[in-house]
């Protein structure tokens, strides 16, 4: 038995789970078809702060063992 409110939205647990599954499936398909736009975001933050990430020069100096000139 499906229950719906005045706007036609699902209100029973089975209907809600079915709708959630449809949305999750569409998100999965979109992430496979257009990974740059809808794929998982890989965040690479090596020792910097979120608002001040290290530059390539900083990372190169660090890999050579040099102190950062600041």
N, C-alpha and C. Protein backbone atom coordinates (compact mmCIF):
# COMPACT_ATOMS: atom_id res chain seq x y z
N UNK A 1 0.85 -1.17 0.00
CA UNK A 1 0.00 0.00 0.00
C UNK A 1 0.89 1.24 0.00
N UNK A 2 0.72 2.07 -1.01
CA UNK A 2 1.50 3.29 -1.10
C UNK A 2 0.76 4.43 -0.43
N UNK A 3 1.49 5.19 0.33
CA UNK A 3 0.94 6.38 0.96
C UNK A 3 1.62 7.59 0.34
N UNK A 4 0.86 8.62 0.07
CA UNK A 4 1.42 9.83 -0.51
C UNK A 4 0.77 11.04 0.17
N UNK A 5 1.51 12.13 0.26
CA UNK A 5 0.95 13.34 0.82
C UNK A 5 0.24 14.13 -0.28
N UNK A 6 -0.17 15.36 0.01
CA UNK A 6 -0.93 16.17 -0.95
C UNK A 6 -0.14 16.44 -2.23
N UNK A 7 1.18 16.55 -2.14
CA UNK A 7 2.01 16.85 -3.31
C UNK A 7 2.38 15.60 -4.09
N UNK A 8 1.95 14.44 -3.65
CA UNK A 8 2.24 13.20 -4.35
C UNK A 8 3.56 12.56 -3.96
N UNK A 9 4.19 13.04 -2.91
CA UNK A 9 5.45 12.46 -2.46
C UNK A 9 5.21 11.21 -1.64
N UNK A 10 6.15 10.28 -1.72
CA UNK A 10 6.05 9.03 -0.97
C UNK A 10 6.22 9.31 0.52
N UNK A 11 5.39 8.69 1.35
CA UNK A 11 5.52 8.88 2.78
C UNK A 11 5.72 7.57 3.52
N UNK A 12 5.57 6.41 2.85
CA UNK A 12 5.81 5.15 3.53
C UNK A 12 7.28 4.76 3.39
N UNK A 13 7.76 3.91 4.26
CA UNK A 13 9.18 3.57 4.30
C UNK A 13 9.64 2.87 3.03
N UNK A 14 8.83 2.01 2.47
CA UNK A 14 9.22 1.28 1.26
C UNK A 14 9.34 2.25 0.08
N UNK A 15 8.42 3.16 -0.05
CA UNK A 15 8.47 4.14 -1.14
C UNK A 15 9.66 5.06 -1.02
N UNK A 16 9.97 5.46 0.21
CA UNK A 16 11.12 6.33 0.43
C UNK A 16 12.41 5.60 0.08
N UNK A 17 12.54 4.35 0.49
CA UNK A 17 13.74 3.58 0.16
C UNK A 17 13.86 3.37 -1.34
N UNK A 18 12.76 3.12 -2.03
CA UNK A 18 12.78 2.93 -3.48
C UNK A 18 13.23 4.21 -4.18
N UNK A 19 12.73 5.35 -3.71
CA UNK A 19 13.13 6.63 -4.29
C UNK A 19 14.62 6.89 -4.04
N UNK A 20 15.09 6.58 -2.84
CA UNK A 20 16.50 6.76 -2.51
C UNK A 20 17.38 5.88 -3.40
N UNK A 21 16.95 4.64 -3.63
CA UNK A 21 17.70 3.74 -4.49
C UNK A 21 17.78 4.28 -5.92
N UNK A 22 16.66 4.84 -6.43
CA UNK A 22 16.67 5.41 -7.78
C UNK A 22 17.65 6.57 -7.87
N UNK A 23 17.67 7.44 -6.87
CA UNK A 23 18.58 8.57 -6.87
C UNK A 23 20.03 8.10 -6.78
N UNK A 24 20.32 7.17 -5.89
CA UNK A 24 21.68 6.67 -5.74
C UNK A 24 22.16 5.99 -7.02
N UNK A 25 21.28 5.28 -7.69
CA UNK A 25 21.64 4.62 -8.94
C UNK A 25 21.96 5.66 -10.01
N UNK A 26 21.16 6.70 -10.10
CA UNK A 26 21.42 7.76 -11.08
C UNK A 26 22.74 8.46 -10.78
N UNK A 27 23.05 8.69 -9.50
CA UNK A 27 24.33 9.31 -9.15
C UNK A 27 25.49 8.41 -9.53
N UNK A 28 25.35 7.10 -9.32
CA UNK A 28 26.40 6.15 -9.66
C UNK A 28 26.65 6.14 -11.17
N UNK A 29 25.57 6.10 -11.95
CA UNK A 29 25.71 6.10 -13.42
C UNK A 29 26.35 7.40 -13.88
N UNK A 30 25.93 8.53 -13.32
CA UNK A 30 26.51 9.81 -13.71
C UNK A 30 28.00 9.86 -13.37
N UNK A 31 28.40 9.28 -12.24
CA UNK A 31 29.82 9.30 -11.87
C UNK A 31 30.66 8.45 -12.81
N UNK A 32 30.05 7.43 -13.43
CA UNK A 32 30.78 6.59 -14.38
C UNK A 32 30.83 7.22 -15.76
N UNK A 33 29.77 7.92 -16.15
CA UNK A 33 29.72 8.52 -17.48
C UNK A 33 30.50 9.84 -17.55
N UNK A 34 30.44 10.64 -16.50
CA UNK A 34 31.14 11.93 -16.46
C UNK A 34 31.91 12.05 -15.14
N UNK A 35 33.04 11.32 -15.02
CA UNK A 35 33.74 11.30 -13.74
C UNK A 35 34.33 12.65 -13.33
N UNK A 36 34.72 13.49 -14.29
CA UNK A 36 35.29 14.79 -13.92
C UNK A 36 34.27 15.69 -13.26
N UNK A 37 33.02 15.57 -13.68
CA UNK A 37 31.98 16.43 -13.13
C UNK A 37 31.29 15.79 -11.92
N UNK A 38 30.99 14.49 -12.00
CA UNK A 38 30.18 13.84 -10.97
C UNK A 38 30.93 12.80 -10.15
N UNK A 39 32.21 12.57 -10.44
CA UNK A 39 32.96 11.54 -9.72
C UNK A 39 33.35 11.99 -8.32
N UNK A 40 33.93 11.06 -7.57
CA UNK A 40 34.40 11.38 -6.24
C UNK A 40 35.55 12.35 -6.33
N UNK A 41 35.58 13.30 -5.45
CA UNK A 41 36.64 14.30 -5.45
C UNK A 41 37.81 13.76 -4.64
N UNK A 42 38.98 13.74 -5.25
CA UNK A 42 40.19 13.32 -4.55
C UNK A 42 40.89 14.59 -4.06
N UNK A 43 41.06 14.70 -2.78
CA UNK A 43 41.69 15.87 -2.20
C UNK A 43 43.13 15.53 -1.82
N UNK A 44 44.07 16.31 -2.34
CA UNK A 44 45.47 16.10 -2.02
C UNK A 44 45.97 17.35 -1.31
N UNK A 45 46.20 17.23 -0.02
CA UNK A 45 46.68 18.34 0.77
C UNK A 45 47.87 17.82 1.56
N UNK A 46 49.07 18.15 1.12
CA UNK A 46 50.28 17.63 1.73
C UNK A 46 50.89 18.71 2.61
N UNK A 47 50.56 18.69 3.86
CA UNK A 47 51.18 19.57 4.83
C UNK A 47 50.74 21.01 4.81
N UNK A 48 49.91 21.42 3.91
CA UNK A 48 49.45 22.80 3.88
C UNK A 48 48.11 22.95 4.56
N UNK A 49 47.71 24.16 4.73
CA UNK A 49 46.39 24.41 5.29
C UNK A 49 45.40 24.49 4.14
N UNK A 50 44.15 24.29 4.42
CA UNK A 50 43.13 24.26 3.37
C UNK A 50 43.07 25.58 2.61
N UNK A 51 43.21 26.72 3.31
CA UNK A 51 43.13 28.01 2.63
C UNK A 51 44.49 28.48 2.11
N UNK A 52 45.59 27.78 2.43
CA UNK A 52 46.91 28.16 1.98
C UNK A 52 47.71 26.90 1.62
N UNK A 53 47.37 26.26 0.50
CA UNK A 53 48.07 25.01 0.16
C UNK A 53 49.51 25.28 -0.25
N UNK A 54 50.39 24.30 -0.07
CA UNK A 54 51.79 24.51 -0.45
C UNK A 54 51.93 24.60 -1.96
N UNK A 55 52.91 25.36 -2.41
CA UNK A 55 53.17 25.48 -3.84
C UNK A 55 54.05 24.33 -4.28
N UNK A 56 54.21 24.18 -5.58
CA UNK A 56 55.08 23.14 -6.11
C UNK A 56 56.51 23.36 -5.63
N UNK A 57 56.95 24.61 -5.59
CA UNK A 57 58.31 24.92 -5.13
C UNK A 57 58.50 24.50 -3.67
N UNK A 58 57.49 24.72 -2.84
CA UNK A 58 57.56 24.30 -1.43
C UNK A 58 57.71 22.78 -1.34
N UNK A 59 56.93 22.07 -2.13
CA UNK A 59 57.00 20.61 -2.10
C UNK A 59 58.34 20.10 -2.62
N UNK A 60 58.89 20.76 -3.65
CA UNK A 60 60.18 20.35 -4.19
C UNK A 60 61.28 20.57 -3.17
N UNK A 61 61.27 21.73 -2.49
CA UNK A 61 62.27 22.00 -1.45
C UNK A 61 62.17 20.98 -0.33
N UNK A 62 60.94 20.66 0.06
CA UNK A 62 60.73 19.71 1.15
C UNK A 62 61.24 18.32 0.76
N UNK A 63 61.04 17.93 -0.50
CA UNK A 63 61.49 16.61 -0.92
C UNK A 63 63.01 16.53 -0.98
N UNK A 64 63.69 17.67 -1.22
CA UNK A 64 65.16 17.69 -1.23
C UNK A 64 65.73 17.87 0.18
N UNK A 65 64.87 18.12 1.15
CA UNK A 65 65.33 18.28 2.53
C UNK A 65 65.72 19.69 2.89
N UNK A 66 65.42 20.63 2.03
CA UNK A 66 65.76 22.04 2.29
C UNK A 66 64.68 22.68 3.15
N UNK A 67 65.07 23.68 3.90
CA UNK A 67 64.11 24.45 4.69
C UNK A 67 63.41 25.45 3.78
N UNK A 68 62.15 25.70 4.06
CA UNK A 68 61.40 26.67 3.26
C UNK A 68 61.84 28.07 3.62
N UNK A 69 62.09 28.88 2.60
CA UNK A 69 62.50 30.28 2.82
C UNK A 69 61.23 31.10 3.01
N UNK A 70 61.08 31.64 4.20
CA UNK A 70 59.88 32.44 4.49
C UNK A 70 60.26 33.73 5.11
